[in-house]
Amino acid sequence: AYALKNNQRATLIGETTGGGAHGGGPHRL
């Protein structure tokens, strides 16, 4: 959604999204 909105490819309709942007991976503790 963020990419398509910012380069004006799509119109977003609804509510503000959850706000989880950071990627990574699982780590054994």
mmCIF file of all heavy atoms, coordinates in Angstrom:
data_MODEL
# 
_entry.id   MODEL 
# 
loop_
_atom_site.group_PDB 
_atom_site.id 
_atom_site.type_symbol 
_atom_site.label_atom_id 
_atom_site.label_alt_id 
_atom_site.label_comp_id 
_atom_site.label_asym_id 
_atom_site.label_entity_id 
_atom_site.label_seq_id 
_atom_site.pdbx_PDB_ins_code 
_atom_site.Cartn_x 
_atom_site.Cartn_y 
_atom_site.Cartn_z 
_atom_site.occupancy 
_atom_site.B_iso_or_equiv 
_atom_site.pdbx_formal_charge 
_atom_site.auth_seq_id 
_atom_site.auth_comp_id 
_atom_site.auth_asym_id 
_atom_site.auth_atom_id 
_atom_site.pdbx_PDB_model_num 
ATOM 1   N N   . ALA A 1 1  ? 0.816   -1.208  0.000   1.00 0.00 ? 1  ALA A N   1 
ATOM 2   C CA  . ALA A 1 1  ? 0.000   0.000   0.000   1.00 0.00 ? 1  ALA A CA  1 
ATOM 3   C C   . ALA A 1 1  ? 0.853   1.264   0.000   1.00 0.00 ? 1  ALA A C   1 
ATOM 4   O O   . ALA A 1 1  ? 0.550   2.234   -0.715  1.00 0.00 ? 1  ALA A O   1 
ATOM 5   C CB  . ALA A 1 1  ? -0.928  -0.001  1.219   1.00 0.00 ? 1  ALA A CB  1 
ATOM 6   N N   . TYR A 1 2  ? 1.919   1.258   0.788   1.00 0.00 ? 2  TYR A N   1 
ATOM 7   C CA  . TYR A 1 2  ? 2.780   2.439   0.903   1.00 0.00 ? 2  TYR A CA  1 
ATOM 8   C C   . TYR A 1 2  ? 3.444   2.775   -0.434  1.00 0.00 ? 2  TYR A C   1 
ATOM 9   O O   . TYR A 1 2  ? 3.468   3.937   -0.855  1.00 0.00 ? 2  TYR A O   1 
ATOM 10  C CB  . TYR A 1 2  ? 3.840   2.166   1.962   1.00 0.00 ? 2  TYR A CB  1 
ATOM 11  C CG  . TYR A 1 2  ? 4.586   3.382   2.467   1.00 0.00 ? 2  TYR A CG  1 
ATOM 12  C CD1 . TYR A 1 2  ? 3.949   4.357   3.226   1.00 0.00 ? 2  TYR A CD1 1 
ATOM 13  C CD2 . TYR A 1 2  ? 5.954   3.532   2.231   1.00 0.00 ? 2  TYR A CD2 1 
ATOM 14  C CE1 . TYR A 1 2  ? 4.637   5.453   3.717   1.00 0.00 ? 2  TYR A CE1 1 
ATOM 15  C CE2 . TYR A 1 2  ? 6.657   4.626   2.721   1.00 0.00 ? 2  TYR A CE2 1 
ATOM 16  C CZ  . TYR A 1 2  ? 5.996   5.586   3.462   1.00 0.00 ? 2  TYR A CZ  1 
ATOM 17  O OH  . TYR A 1 2  ? 6.685   6.672   3.951   1.00 0.00 ? 2  TYR A OH  1 
ATOM 18  N N   . ALA A 1 3  ? 3.951   1.759   -1.106  1.00 0.00 ? 3  ALA A N   1 
ATOM 19  C CA  . ALA A 1 3  ? 4.622   1.989   -2.387  1.00 0.00 ? 3  ALA A CA  1 
ATOM 20  C C   . ALA A 1 3  ? 3.646   2.480   -3.448  1.00 0.00 ? 3  ALA A C   1 
ATOM 21  O O   . ALA A 1 3  ? 3.926   3.432   -4.180  1.00 0.00 ? 3  ALA A O   1 
ATOM 22  C CB  . ALA A 1 3  ? 5.311   0.705   -2.846  1.00 0.00 ? 3  ALA A CB  1 
ATOM 23  N N   . LEU A 1 4  ? 2.477   1.829   -3.543  1.00 0.00 ? 4  LEU A N   1 
ATOM 24  C CA  . LEU A 1 4  ? 1.519   2.207   -4.579  1.00 0.00 ? 4  LEU A CA  1 
ATOM 25  C C   . LEU A 1 4  ? 0.919   3.584   -4.321  1.00 0.00 ? 4  LEU A C   1 
ATOM 26  O O   . LEU A 1 4  ? 0.580   4.306   -5.265  1.00 0.00 ? 4  LEU A O   1 
ATOM 27  C CB  . LEU A 1 4  ? 0.407   1.156   -4.697  1.00 0.00 ? 4  LEU A CB  1 
ATOM 28  C CG  . LEU A 1 4  ? 0.664   0.049   -5.734  1.00 0.00 ? 4  LEU A CG  1 
ATOM 29  C CD1 . LEU A 1 4  ? 1.901   -0.765  -5.381  1.00 0.00 ? 4  LEU A CD1 1 
ATOM 30  C CD2 . LEU A 1 4  ? -0.558  -0.859  -5.873  1.00 0.00 ? 4  LEU A CD2 1 
ATOM 31  N N   . LYS A 1 5  ? 0.791   3.941   -3.045  1.00 0.00 ? 5  LYS A N   1 
ATOM 32  C CA  . LYS A 1 5  ? 0.312   5.287   -2.735  1.00 0.00 ? 5  LYS A CA  1 
ATOM 33  C C   . LYS A 1 5  ? 1.361   6.333   -3.112  1.00 0.00 ? 5  LYS A C   1 
ATOM 34  O O   . LYS A 1 5  ? 1.039   7.342   -3.758  1.00 0.00 ? 5  LYS A O   1 
ATOM 35  C CB  . LYS A 1 5  ? -0.025  5.408   -1.251  1.00 0.00 ? 5  LYS A CB  1 
ATOM 36  C CG  . LYS A 1 5  ? -0.414  6.834   -0.851  1.00 0.00 ? 5  LYS A CG  1 
ATOM 37  C CD  . LYS A 1 5  ? -0.564  7.012   0.641   1.00 0.00 ? 5  LYS A CD  1 
ATOM 38  C CE  . LYS A 1 5  ? -0.856  8.495   0.949   1.00 0.00 ? 5  LYS A CE  1 
ATOM 39  N NZ  . LYS A 1 5  ? -1.055  8.753   2.384   1.00 0.00 ? 5  LYS A NZ  1 
ATOM 40  N N   . ASN A 1 6  ? 2.610   6.107   -2.708  1.00 0.00 ? 6  ASN A N   1 
ATOM 41  C CA  . ASN A 1 6  ? 3.642   7.119   -2.883  1.00 0.00 ? 6  ASN A CA  1 
ATOM 42  C C   . ASN A 1 6  ? 3.970   7.398   -4.338  1.00 0.00 ? 6  ASN A C   1 
ATOM 43  O O   . ASN A 1 6  ? 4.308   8.535   -4.684  1.00 0.00 ? 6  ASN A O   1 
ATOM 44  C CB  . ASN A 1 6  ? 4.910   6.708   -2.131  1.00 0.00 ? 6  ASN A CB  1 
ATOM 45  C CG  . ASN A 1 6  ? 4.755   6.845   -0.635  1.00 0.00 ? 6  ASN A CG  1 
ATOM 46  O OD1 . ASN A 1 6  ? 3.970   7.655   -0.150  1.00 0.00 ? 6  ASN A OD1 1 
ATOM 47  N ND2 . ASN A 1 6  ? 5.500   6.047   0.119   1.00 0.00 ? 6  ASN A ND2 1 
ATOM 48  N N   . ASN A 1 7  ? 3.886   6.369   -5.201  1.00 0.00 ? 7  ASN A N   1 
ATOM 49  C CA  . ASN A 1 7  ? 4.148   6.658   -6.616  1.00 0.00 ? 7  ASN A CA  1 
ATOM 50  C C   . ASN A 1 7  ? 2.855   6.849   -7.394  1.00 0.00 ? 7  ASN A C   1 
ATOM 51  O O   . ASN A 1 7  ? 2.844   6.776   -8.623  1.00 0.00 ? 7  ASN A O   1 
ATOM 52  C CB  . ASN A 1 7  ? 5.049   5.594   -7.265  1.00 0.00 ? 7  ASN A CB  1 
ATOM 53  C CG  . ASN A 1 7  ? 4.480   4.203   -7.152  1.00 0.00 ? 7  ASN A CG  1 
ATOM 54  O OD1 . ASN A 1 7  ? 3.267   4.005   -7.230  1.00 0.00 ? 7  ASN A OD1 1 
ATOM 55  N ND2 . ASN A 1 7  ? 5.351   3.217   -6.972  1.00 0.00 ? 7  ASN A ND2 1 
ATOM 56  N N   . GLN A 1 8  ? 1.767   7.112   -6.658  1.00 0.00 ? 8  GLN A N   1 
ATOM 57  C CA  . GLN A 1 8  ? 0.480   7.517   -7.211  1.00 0.00 ? 8  GLN A CA  1 
ATOM 58  C C   . GLN A 1 8  ? -0.111  6.499   -8.187  1.00 0.00 ? 8  GLN A C   1 
ATOM 59  O O   . GLN A 1 8  ? -0.801  6.870   -9.132  1.00 0.00 ? 8  GLN A O   1 
ATOM 60  C CB  . GLN A 1 8  ? 0.600   8.898   -7.881  1.00 0.00 ? 8  GLN A CB  1 
ATOM 61  C CG  . GLN A 1 8  ? 1.063   9.979   -6.920  1.00 0.00 ? 8  GLN A CG  1 
ATOM 62  C CD  . GLN A 1 8  ? 1.142   11.345  -7.571  1.00 0.00 ? 8  GLN A CD  1 
ATOM 63  O OE1 . GLN A 1 8  ? 1.211   11.474  -8.788  1.00 0.00 ? 8  GLN A OE1 1 
ATOM 64  N NE2 . GLN A 1 8  ? 1.155   12.380  -6.750  1.00 0.00 ? 8  GLN A NE2 1 
ATOM 65  N N   . ARG A 1 9  ? 0.140   5.215   -7.900  1.00 0.00 ? 9  ARG A N   1 
ATOM 66  C CA  . ARG A 1 9  ? -0.456  4.180   -8.738  1.00 0.00 ? 9  ARG A CA  1 
ATOM 67  C C   . ARG A 1 9  ? -1.830  3.775   -8.239  1.00 0.00 ? 9  ARG A C   1 
ATOM 68  O O   . ARG A 1 9  ? -2.657  3.293   -9.013  1.00 0.00 ? 9  ARG A O   1 
ATOM 69  C CB  . ARG A 1 9  ? 0.461   2.934   -8.785  1.00 0.00 ? 9  ARG A CB  1 
ATOM 70  C CG  . ARG A 1 9  ? -0.113  1.795   -9.614  1.00 0.00 ? 9  ARG A CG  1 
ATOM 71  C CD  . ARG A 1 9  ? -0.338  2.237   -11.057 1.00 0.00 ? 9  ARG A CD  1 
ATOM 72  N NE  . ARG A 1 9  ? -1.124  1.275   -11.827 1.00 0.00 ? 9  ARG A NE  1 
ATOM 73  C CZ  . ARG A 1 9  ? -2.443  1.379   -12.060 1.00 0.00 ? 9  ARG A CZ  1 
ATOM 74  N NH1 . ARG A 1 9  ? -3.130  2.391   -11.521 1.00 0.00 ? 9  ARG A NH1 1 
ATOM 75  N NH2 . ARG A 1 9  ? -3.071  0.495   -12.782 1.00 0.00 ? 9  ARG A NH2 1 
ATOM 76  N N   . ALA A 1 10 ? -2.115  3.937   -6.954  1.00 0.00 ? 10 ALA A N   1 
ATOM 77  C CA  . ALA A 1 10 ? -3.391  3.510   -6.402  1.00 0.00 ? 10 ALA A CA  1 
ATOM 78  C C   . ALA A 1 10 ? -3.934  4.561   -5.444  1.00 0.00 ? 10 ALA A C   1 
ATOM 79  O O   . ALA A 1 10 ? -3.183  5.346   -4.869  1.00 0.00 ? 10 ALA A O   1 
ATOM 80  C CB  . ALA A 1 10 ? -3.233  2.174   -5.668  1.00 0.00 ? 10 ALA A CB  1 
ATOM 81  N N   . THR A 1 11 ? -5.252  4.544   -5.284  1.00 0.00 ? 11 THR A N   1 
ATOM 82  C CA  . THR A 1 11 ? -5.927  5.380   -4.309  1.00 0.00 ? 11 THR A CA  1 
ATOM 83  C C   . THR A 1 11 ? -6.281  4.515   -3.106  1.00 0.00 ? 11 THR A C   1 
ATOM 84  O O   . THR A 1 11 ? -6.937  3.475   -3.259  1.00 0.00 ? 11 THR A O   1 
ATOM 85  C CB  . THR A 1 11 ? -7.207  5.988   -4.895  1.00 0.00 ? 11 THR A CB  1 
ATOM 86  O OG1 . THR A 1 11 ? -6.872  6.803   -6.031  1.00 0.00 ? 11 THR A OG1 1 
ATOM 87  C CG2 . THR A 1 11 ? -7.932  6.834   -3.860  1.00 0.00 ? 11 THR A CG2 1 
ATOM 88  N N   . LEU A 1 12 ? -5.839  4.909   -1.919  1.00 0.00 ? 12 LEU A N   1 
ATOM 89  C CA  . LEU A 1 12 ? -6.108  4.149   -0.705  1.00 0.00 ? 12 LEU A CA  1 
ATOM 90  C C   . LEU A 1 12 ? -7.369  4.672   -0.034  1.00 0.00 ? 12 LEU A C   1 
ATOM 91  O O   . LEU A 1 12 ? -7.513  5.888   0.183   1.00 0.00 ? 12 LEU A O   1 
ATOM 92  C CB  . LEU A 1 12 ? -4.931  4.245   0.263   1.00 0.00 ? 12 LEU A CB  1 
ATOM 93  C CG  . LEU A 1 12 ? -3.782  3.242   0.076   1.00 0.00 ? 12 LEU A CG  1 
ATOM 94  C CD1 . LEU A 1 12 ? -3.149  3.369   -1.297  1.00 0.00 ? 12 LEU A CD1 1 
ATOM 95  C CD2 . LEU A 1 12 ? -2.745  3.400   1.166   1.00 0.00 ? 12 LEU A CD2 1 
ATOM 96  N N   . ILE A 1 13 ? -8.276  3.763   0.304   1.00 0.00 ? 13 ILE A N   1 
ATOM 97  C CA  . ILE A 1 13 ? -9.554  4.125   0.912   1.00 0.00 ? 13 ILE A CA  1 
ATOM 98  C C   . ILE A 1 13 ? -9.740  3.275   2.167   1.00 0.00 ? 13 ILE A C   1 
ATOM 99  O O   . ILE A 1 13 ? -9.635  2.052   2.110   1.00 0.00 ? 13 ILE A O   1 
ATOM 100 C CB  . ILE A 1 13 ? -10.719 3.897   -0.069  1.00 0.00 ? 13 ILE A CB  1 
ATOM 101 C CG1 . ILE A 1 13 ? -10.531 4.760   -1.327  1.00 0.00 ? 13 ILE A CG1 1 
ATOM 102 C CG2 . ILE A 1 13 ? -12.060 4.192   0.597   1.00 0.00 ? 13 ILE A CG2 1 
ATOM 103 C CD1 . ILE A 1 13 ? -11.590 4.529   -2.394  1.00 0.00 ? 13 ILE A CD1 1 
ATOM 104 N N   . GLY A 1 14 ? -10.011 3.922   3.293   1.00 0.00 ? 14 GLY A N   1 
ATOM 105 C CA  . GLY A 1 14 ? -10.231 3.166   4.526   1.00 0.00 ? 14 GLY A CA  1 
ATOM 106 C C   . GLY A 1 14 ? -9.581  3.812   5.722   1.00 0.00 ? 14 GLY A C   1 
ATOM 107 O O   . GLY A 1 14 ? -9.654  5.025   5.914   1.00 0.00 ? 14 GLY A O   1 
ATOM 108 N N   . GLU A 1 15 ? -8.919  2.984   6.531   1.00 0.00 ? 15 GLU A N   1 
ATOM 109 C CA  . GLU A 1 15 ? -8.320  3.421   7.786   1.00 0.00 ? 15 GLU A CA  1 
ATOM 110 C C   . GLU A 1 15 ? -6.792  3.414   7.711   1.00 0.00 ? 15 GLU A C   1 
ATOM 111 O O   . GLU A 1 15 ? -6.211  2.722   6.863   1.00 0.00 ? 15 GLU A O   1 
ATOM 112 C CB  . GLU A 1 15 ? -8.757  2.482   8.919   1.00 0.00 ? 15 GLU A CB  1 
ATOM 113 C CG  . GLU A 1 15 ? -10.251 2.409   9.116   1.00 0.00 ? 15 GLU A CG  1 
ATOM 114 C CD  . GLU A 1 15 ? -10.675 1.310   10.079  1.00 0.00 ? 15 GLU A CD  1 
ATOM 115 O OE1 . GLU A 1 15 ? -9.831  0.433   10.393  1.00 0.00 ? 15 GLU A OE1 1 
ATOM 116 O OE2 . GLU A 1 15 ? -11.836 1.318   10.504  1.00 0.00 ? 15 GLU A OE2 1 
ATOM 117 N N   . THR A 1 16 ? -6.157  4.163   8.600   1.00 0.00 ? 16 THR A N   1 
ATOM 118 C CA  . THR A 1 16 ? -4.702  4.115   8.723   1.00 0.00 ? 16 THR A CA  1 
ATOM 119 C C   . THR A 1 16 ? -4.287  2.713   9.160   1.00 0.00 ? 16 THR A C   1 
ATOM 120 O O   . THR A 1 16 ? -4.907  2.115   10.036  1.00 0.00 ? 16 THR A O   1 
ATOM 121 C CB  . THR A 1 16 ? -4.216  5.153   9.743   1.00 0.00 ? 16 THR A CB  1 
ATOM 122 O OG1 . THR A 1 16 ? -4.602  6.458   9.293   1.00 0.00 ? 16 THR A OG1 1 
ATOM 123 C CG2 . THR A 1 16 ? -2.705  5.102   9.898   1.00 0.00 ? 16 THR A CG2 1 
ATOM 124 N N   . THR A 1 17 ? -3.245  2.198   8.551   1.00 0.00 ? 17 THR A N   1 
ATOM 125 C CA  . THR A 1 17 ? -2.842  0.810   8.769   1.00 0.00 ? 17 THR A CA  1 
ATOM 126 C C   . THR A 1 17 ? -2.085  0.640   10.098  1.00 0.00 ? 17 THR A C   1 
ATOM 127 O O   . THR A 1 17 ? -1.823  1.603   10.819  1.00 0.00 ? 17 THR A O   1 
ATOM 128 C CB  . THR A 1 17 ? -1.975  0.314   7.609   1.00 0.00 ? 17 THR A CB  1 
ATOM 129 O OG1 . THR A 1 17 ? -0.772  1.099   7.555   1.00 0.00 ? 17 THR A OG1 1 
ATOM 130 C CG2 . THR A 1 17 ? -2.720  0.439   6.277   1.00 0.00 ? 17 THR A CG2 1 
ATOM 131 N N   . GLY A 1 18 ? -1.699  -0.614  10.393  1.00 0.00 ? 18 GLY A N   1 
ATOM 132 C CA  . GLY A 1 18 ? -1.169  -0.978  11.711  1.00 0.00 ? 18 GLY A CA  1 
ATOM 133 C C   . GLY A 1 18 ? 0.188   -0.410  12.075  1.00 0.00 ? 18 GLY A C   1 
ATOM 134 O O   . GLY A 1 18 ? 0.491   -0.249  13.257  1.00 0.00 ? 18 GLY A O   1 
ATOM 135 N N   . GLY A 1 19 ? 1.046   -0.129  11.108  1.00 0.00 ? 19 GLY A N   1 
ATOM 136 C CA  . GLY A 1 19 ? 2.333   0.498   11.410  1.00 0.00 ? 19 GLY A CA  1 
ATOM 137 C C   . GLY A 1 19 ? 3.473   -0.439  11.744  1.00 0.00 ? 19 GLY A C   1 
ATOM 138 O O   . GLY A 1 19 ? 4.263   -0.164  12.644  1.00 0.00 ? 19 GLY A O   1 
ATOM 139 N N   . GLY A 1 20 ? 3.601   -1.551  10.994  1.00 0.00 ? 20 GLY A N   1 
ATOM 140 C CA  . GLY A 1 20 ? 4.718   -2.479  11.181  1.00 0.00 ? 20 GLY A CA  1 
ATOM 141 C C   . GLY A 1 20 ? 5.583   -2.554  9.942   1.00 0.00 ? 20 GLY A C   1 
ATOM 142 O O   . GLY A 1 20 ? 5.234   -3.231  8.977   1.00 0.00 ? 20 GLY A O   1 
ATOM 143 N N   . ALA A 1 21 ? 6.710   -1.861  9.949   1.00 0.00 ? 21 ALA A N   1 
ATOM 144 C CA  . ALA A 1 21 ? 7.516   -1.742  8.731   1.00 0.00 ? 21 ALA A CA  1 
ATOM 145 C C   . ALA A 1 21 ? 8.806   -2.560  8.745   1.00 0.00 ? 21 ALA A C   1 
ATOM 146 O O   . ALA A 1 21 ? 9.304   -2.932  7.686   1.00 0.00 ? 21 ALA A O   1 
ATOM 147 C CB  . ALA A 1 21 ? 7.876   -0.272  8.484   1.00 0.00 ? 21 ALA A CB  1 
ATOM 148 N N   . HIS A 1 22 ? 9.355   -2.836  9.915   1.00 0.00 ? 22 HIS A N   1 
ATOM 149 C CA  . HIS A 1 22 ? 10.706  -3.391  9.984   1.00 0.00 ? 22 HIS A CA  1 
ATOM 150 C C   . HIS A 1 22 ? 10.736  -4.885  9.701   1.00 0.00 ? 22 HIS A C   1 
ATOM 151 O O   . HIS A 1 22 ? 10.000  -5.653  10.293  1.00 0.00 ? 22 HIS A O   1 
ATOM 152 C CB  . HIS A 1 22 ? 11.328  -3.117  11.357  1.00 0.00 ? 22 HIS A CB  1 
ATOM 153 C CG  . HIS A 1 22 ? 11.483  -1.663  11.632  1.00 0.00 ? 22 HIS A CG  1 
ATOM 154 N ND1 . HIS A 1 22 ? 11.532  -1.145  12.909  1.00 0.00 ? 22 HIS A ND1 1 
ATOM 155 C CD2 . HIS A 1 22 ? 11.588  -0.605  10.792  1.00 0.00 ? 22 HIS A CD2 1 
ATOM 156 C CE1 . HIS A 1 22 ? 11.681  0.167   12.833  1.00 0.00 ? 22 HIS A CE1 1 
ATOM 157 N NE2 . HIS A 1 22 ? 11.704  0.515   11.569  1.00 0.00 ? 22 HIS A NE2 1 
ATOM 158 N N   . GLY A 1 23 ? 11.607  -5.296  8.805   1.00 0.00 ? 23 GLY A N   1 
ATOM 159 C CA  . GLY A 1 23 ? 11.777  -6.701  8.458   1.00 0.00 ? 23 GLY A CA  1 
ATOM 160 C C   . GLY A 1 23 ? 12.959  -7.315  9.187   1.00 0.00 ? 23 GLY A C   1 
ATOM 161 O O   . GLY A 1 23 ? 13.824  -6.622  9.716   1.00 0.00 ? 23 GLY A O   1 
ATOM 162 N N   . GLY A 1 24 ? 12.985  -8.629  9.228   1.00 0.00 ? 24 GLY A N   1 
ATOM 163 C CA  . GLY A 1 24 ? 14.085  -9.314  9.899   1.00 0.00 ? 24 GLY A CA  1 
ATOM 164 C C   . GLY A 1 24 ? 13.932  -10.808 9.818   1.00 0.00 ? 24 GLY A C   1 
ATOM 165 O O   . GLY A 1 24 ? 13.562  -11.339 8.785   1.00 0.00 ? 24 GLY A O   1 
ATOM 166 N N   . GLY A 1 25 ? 14.180  -11.500 10.913  1.00 0.00 ? 25 GLY A N   1 
ATOM 167 C CA  . GLY A 1 25 ? 14.098  -12.948 10.896  1.00 0.00 ? 25 GLY A CA  1 
ATOM 168 C C   . GLY A 1 25 ? 14.070  -13.516 12.306  1.00 0.00 ? 25 GLY A C   1 
ATOM 169 O O   . GLY A 1 25 ? 14.347  -12.818 13.286  1.00 0.00 ? 25 GLY A O   1 
ATOM 170 N N   . PRO A 1 26 ? 13.739  -14.811 12.438  1.00 0.00 ? 26 PRO A N   1 
ATOM 171 C CA  . PRO A 1 26 ? 13.693  -15.454 13.749  1.00 0.00 ? 26 PRO A CA  1 
ATOM 172 C C   . PRO A 1 26 ? 15.088  -15.809 14.244  1.00 0.00 ? 26 PRO A C   1 
ATOM 173 O O   . PRO A 1 26 ? 15.961  -16.172 13.460  1.00 0.00 ? 26 PRO A O   1 
ATOM 174 C CB  . PRO A 1 26 ? 12.865  -16.710 13.483  1.00 0.00 ? 26 PRO A CB  1 
ATOM 175 C CG  . PRO A 1 26 ? 13.139  -17.030 12.054  1.00 0.00 ? 26 PRO A CG  1 
ATOM 176 C CD  . PRO A 1 26 ? 13.329  -15.719 11.356  1.00 0.00 ? 26 PRO A CD  1 
ATOM 177 N N   . HIS A 1 27 ? 15.278  -15.695 15.546  1.00 0.00 ? 27 HIS A N   1 
ATOM 178 C CA  . HIS A 1 27 ? 16.563  -16.025 16.175  1.00 0.00 ? 27 HIS A CA  1 
ATOM 179 C C   . HIS A 1 27 ? 16.310  -17.000 17.321  1.00 0.00 ? 27 HIS A C   1 
ATOM 180 O O   . HIS A 1 27 ? 15.468  -16.750 18.187  1.00 0.00 ? 27 HIS A O   1 
ATOM 181 C CB  . HIS A 1 27 ? 17.235  -14.765 16.727  1.00 0.00 ? 27 HIS A CB  1 
ATOM 182 C CG  . HIS A 1 27 ? 17.709  -13.811 15.675  1.00 0.00 ? 27 HIS A CG  1 
ATOM 183 N ND1 . HIS A 1 27 ? 19.014  -13.365 15.625  1.00 0.00 ? 27 HIS A ND1 1 
ATOM 184 C CD2 . HIS A 1 27 ? 17.065  -13.226 14.635  1.00 0.00 ? 27 HIS A CD2 1 
ATOM 185 C CE1 . HIS A 1 27 ? 19.148  -12.535 14.599  1.00 0.00 ? 27 HIS A CE1 1 
ATOM 186 N NE2 . HIS A 1 27 ? 17.963  -12.436 13.986  1.00 0.00 ? 27 HIS A NE2 1 
ATOM 187 N N   . ARG A 1 28 ? 17.068  -18.071 17.345  1.00 0.00 ? 28 ARG A N   1 
ATOM 188 C CA  . ARG A 1 28 ? 16.979  -19.033 18.441  1.00 0.00 ? 28 ARG A CA  1 
ATOM 189 C C   . ARG A 1 28 ? 17.594  -18.414 19.691  1.00 0.00 ? 28 ARG A C   1 
ATOM 190 O O   . ARG A 1 28 ? 18.718  -17.892 19.662  1.00 0.00 ? 28 ARG A O   1 
ATOM 191 C CB  . ARG A 1 28 ? 17.722  -20.321 18.073  1.00 0.00 ? 28 ARG A CB  1 
ATOM 192 C CG  . ARG A 1 28 ? 17.694  -21.417 19.156  1.00 0.00 ? 28 ARG A CG  1 
ATOM 193 C CD  . ARG A 1 28 ? 18.568  -22.583 18.710  1.00 0.00 ? 28 ARG A CD  1 
ATOM 194 N NE  . ARG A 1 28 ? 18.514  -23.719 19.629  1.00 0.00 ? 28 ARG A NE  1 
ATOM 195 C CZ  . ARG A 1 28 ? 19.252  -23.840 20.730  1.00 0.00 ? 28 ARG A CZ  1 
ATOM 196 N NH1 . ARG A 1 28 ? 20.103  -22.868 21.061  1.00 0.00 ? 28 ARG A NH1 1 
ATOM 197 N NH2 . ARG A 1 28 ? 19.149  -24.926 21.492  1.00 0.00 ? 28 ARG A NH2 1 
ATOM 198 N N   . LEU A 1 29 ? 16.842  -18.447 20.799  1.00 0.00 ? 29 LEU A N   1 
ATOM 199 C CA  . LEU A 1 29 ? 17.334  -17.923 22.065  1.00 0.00 ? 29 LEU A CA  1 
ATOM 200 C C   . LEU A 1 29 ? 17.892  -19.032 22.942  1.00 0.00 ? 29 LEU A C   1 
ATOM 201 O O   . LEU A 1 29 ? 19.028  -18.952 23.419  1.00 0.00 ? 29 LEU A O   1 
ATOM 202 C CB  . LEU A 1 29 ? 16.213  -17.191 22.804  1.00 0.00 ? 29 LEU A CB  1 
ATOM 203 C CG  . LEU A 1 29 ? 15.615  -15.974 22.088  1.00 0.00 ? 29 LEU A CG  1 
ATOM 204 C CD1 . LEU A 1 29 ? 14.408  -15.451 22.848  1.00 0.00 ? 29 LEU A CD1 1 
ATOM 205 C CD2 . LEU A 1 29 ? 16.659  -14.884 21.914  1.00 0.00 ? 29 LEU A CD2 1 
# 
